[in-house]
C-alpha atoms as a PDB file:
ATOM      1  CA  MET A   1      21.938 -77.676  40.944  1.00  0.00           C
ATOM      2  CA  ALA A   2      19.049 -75.476  42.054  1.00  0.00           C
ATOM      3  CA  LEU A   3      16.084 -75.205  39.714  1.00  0.00           C
ATOM      4  CA  PRO A   4      15.099 -71.778  38.307  1.00  0.00           C
ATOM      5  CA  ASN A   5      12.268 -70.108  40.253  1.00  0.00           C
ATOM      6  CA  ILE A   6       8.951 -68.862  38.825  1.00  0.00           C
ATOM      7  CA  SER A   7       6.985 -66.600  41.050  1.00  0.00           C
ATOM      8  CA  VAL A   8       3.197 -66.616  40.617  1.00  0.00           C
ATOM      9  CA  ALA A   9       1.084 -64.082  42.437  1.00  0.00           C
ATOM     10  CA  THR A  10      -2.692 -64.688  42.873  1.00  0.00           C
ATOM     11  CA  ARG A  11      -5.411 -64.386  45.352  1.00  0.00           C
ATOM     12  CA  PRO A  12      -6.801 -67.487  47.045  1.00  0.00           C
ATOM     13  CA  TYR A  13      -9.687 -68.788  44.806  1.00  0.00           C
ATOM     14  CA  ASP A  14     -10.942 -72.311  44.546  1.00  0.00           C
ATOM     15  CA  ARG A  15      -8.988 -72.665  41.286  1.00  0.00           C
ATOM     16  CA  THR A  16      -5.694 -71.351  42.697  1.00  0.00           C
ATOM     17  CA  GLU A  17      -5.672 -72.925  46.097  1.00  0.00           C
ATOM     18  CA  ALA A  18      -3.542 -75.856  44.924  1.00  0.00           C
ATOM     19  CA  ILE A  19      -0.978 -73.442  43.592  1.00  0.00           C
ATOM     20  CA  LEU A  20      -0.849 -71.414  46.803  1.00  0.00           C
ATOM     21  CA  GLN A  21      -0.593 -74.559  48.923  1.00  0.00           C
ATOM     22  CA  ARG A  22       2.362 -75.793  46.788  1.00  0.00           C
ATOM     23  CA  GLN A  23       0.442 -78.888  45.531  1.00  0.00           C
ATOM     24  CA  VAL A  24       1.247 -78.002  41.955  1.00  0.00           C
ATOM     25  CA  GLU A  25       4.699 -78.801  40.534  1.00  0.00           C
ATOM     26  CA  LEU A  26       6.437 -77.700  37.307  1.00  0.00           C
ATOM     27  CA  LYS A  27       8.918 -79.858  35.544  1.00  0.00           C
ATOM     28  CA  ASP A  28      12.417 -78.209  35.641  1.00  0.00           C
ATOM     29  CA  PHE A  29      11.177 -75.232  37.628  1.00  0.00           C
ATOM     30  CA  GLU A  30      10.499 -74.367  41.216  1.00  0.00           C
ATOM     31  CA  LEU A  31       7.081 -72.633  41.626  1.00  0.00           C
ATOM     32  CA  ARG A  32       7.094 -69.910  44.189  1.00  0.00           C
ATOM     33  CA  PRO A  33       3.538 -68.883  44.895  1.00  0.00           C
ATOM     34  CA  VAL A  34       2.760 -65.435  46.383  1.00  0.00           C
ATOM     35  CA  ASN A  35      -0.636 -65.062  48.150  1.00  0.00           C
ATOM     36  CA  LEU A  36      -2.060 -61.641  47.506  1.00  0.00           C
ATOM     37  CA  ALA A  37      -5.140 -62.025  49.855  1.00  0.00           C
ATOM     38  CA  GLY A  38      -5.971 -58.603  51.296  1.00  0.00           C
ATOM     39  CA  VAL A  39      -4.087 -56.711  48.566  1.00  0.00           C
ATOM     40  CA  SER A  40      -6.308 -54.338  46.549  1.00  0.00           C
ATOM     41  CA  VAL A  41      -6.883 -55.010  42.817  1.00  0.00           C
ATOM     42  CA  PRO A  42      -5.151 -51.825  41.667  1.00  0.00           C
ATOM     43  CA  GLN A  43      -2.124 -52.688  43.862  1.00  0.00           C
ATOM     44  CA  ILE A  44      -2.010 -56.179  42.367  1.00  0.00           C
ATOM     45  CA  PHE A  45      -2.049 -54.801  38.824  1.00  0.00           C
ATOM     46  CA  GLU A  46       0.694 -52.278  39.697  1.00  0.00           C
ATOM     47  CA  ARG A  47       2.918 -54.916  41.213  1.00  0.00           C
ATOM     48  CA  VAL A  48       2.487 -57.280  38.263  1.00  0.00           C
ATOM     49  CA  TYR A  49       3.094 -54.427  35.794  1.00  0.00           C
ATOM     50  CA  LYS A  50       6.302 -53.400  37.573  1.00  0.00           C
ATOM     51  CA  GLY A  51       7.605 -56.907  37.176  1.00  0.00           C
ATOM     52  CA  GLU A  52       7.605 -57.969  40.866  1.00  0.00           C
ATOM     53  CA  PHE A  53       6.378 -61.394  39.797  1.00  0.00           C
ATOM     54  CA  ASP A  54       7.045 -63.687  36.809  1.00  0.00           C
ATOM     55  CA  ALA A  55       3.268 -64.392  36.512  1.00  0.00           C
ATOM     56  CA  GLY A  56       0.248 -62.883  38.108  1.00  0.00           C
ATOM     57  CA  GLU A  57      -3.296 -61.684  37.814  1.00  0.00           C
ATOM     58  CA  PHE A  58      -4.014 -58.905  35.426  1.00  0.00           C
ATOM     59  CA  SER A  59      -7.315 -57.845  33.750  1.00  0.00           C
ATOM     60  CA  LEU A  60      -7.707 -57.825  30.071  1.00  0.00           C
ATOM     61  CA  ALA A  61      -8.617 -54.144  30.132  1.00  0.00           C
ATOM     62  CA  GLU A  62      -5.494 -53.267  32.032  1.00  0.00           C
ATOM     63  CA  LEU A  63      -3.323 -55.301  29.713  1.00  0.00           C
ATOM     64  CA  VAL A  64      -4.800 -53.610  26.622  1.00  0.00           C
ATOM     65  CA  PHE A  65      -4.333 -50.242  28.266  1.00  0.00           C
ATOM     66  CA  TYR A  66      -0.650 -50.756  29.045  1.00  0.00           C
ATOM     67  CA  LEU A  67       0.133 -52.507  25.794  1.00  0.00           C
ATOM     68  CA  SER A  68      -1.636 -49.862  23.702  1.00  0.00           C
ATOM     69  CA  ARG A  69       0.664 -47.247  25.124  1.00  0.00           C
ATOM     70  CA  LYS A  70       3.749 -49.406  24.740  1.00  0.00           C
ATOM     71  CA  ALA A  71       4.154 -49.206  28.480  1.00  0.00           C
ATOM     72  CA  GLY A  72       5.563 -52.575  29.142  1.00  0.00           C
ATOM     73  CA  ASP A  73       6.524 -56.022  27.971  1.00  0.00           C
ATOM     74  CA  LEU A  74       3.726 -58.008  29.452  1.00  0.00           C
ATOM     75  CA  ILE A  75       2.452 -61.099  27.693  1.00  0.00           C
ATOM     76  CA  GLY A  76      -1.201 -62.095  28.336  1.00  0.00           C
ATOM     77  CA  ILE A  77      -2.434 -65.634  28.300  1.00  0.00           C
ATOM     78  CA  PRO A  78      -6.223 -66.350  28.410  1.00  0.00           C
ATOM     79  CA  VAL A  79      -6.846 -67.767  31.887  1.00  0.00           C
ATOM     80  CA  PHE A  80     -10.193 -66.770  33.403  1.00  0.00           C
ATOM     81  CA  LEU A  81     -10.293 -67.659  37.087  1.00  0.00           C
ATOM     82  CA  HIS A  82     -13.825 -66.437  37.733  1.00  0.00           C
ATOM     83  CA  ARG A  83     -15.682 -68.082  34.806  1.00  0.00           C
END
């Protein structure tokens, strides 16, 4: 029986390289990384907001903006890749 997929979209950073190179595994799920190198930040946010991926980069400001207008069902988790 095939495992359920979880798509994770991110740019290649030192902290995400293992995910993009499929060195990270999840129990009971197949992780499907999507490398967004070369994609502009506004395009990344738009694609994440539209639900193209199960998980992806999103700024806190954009999350607050969309949620304050009840414009989606996003759930934010505090992961800070640049700190």
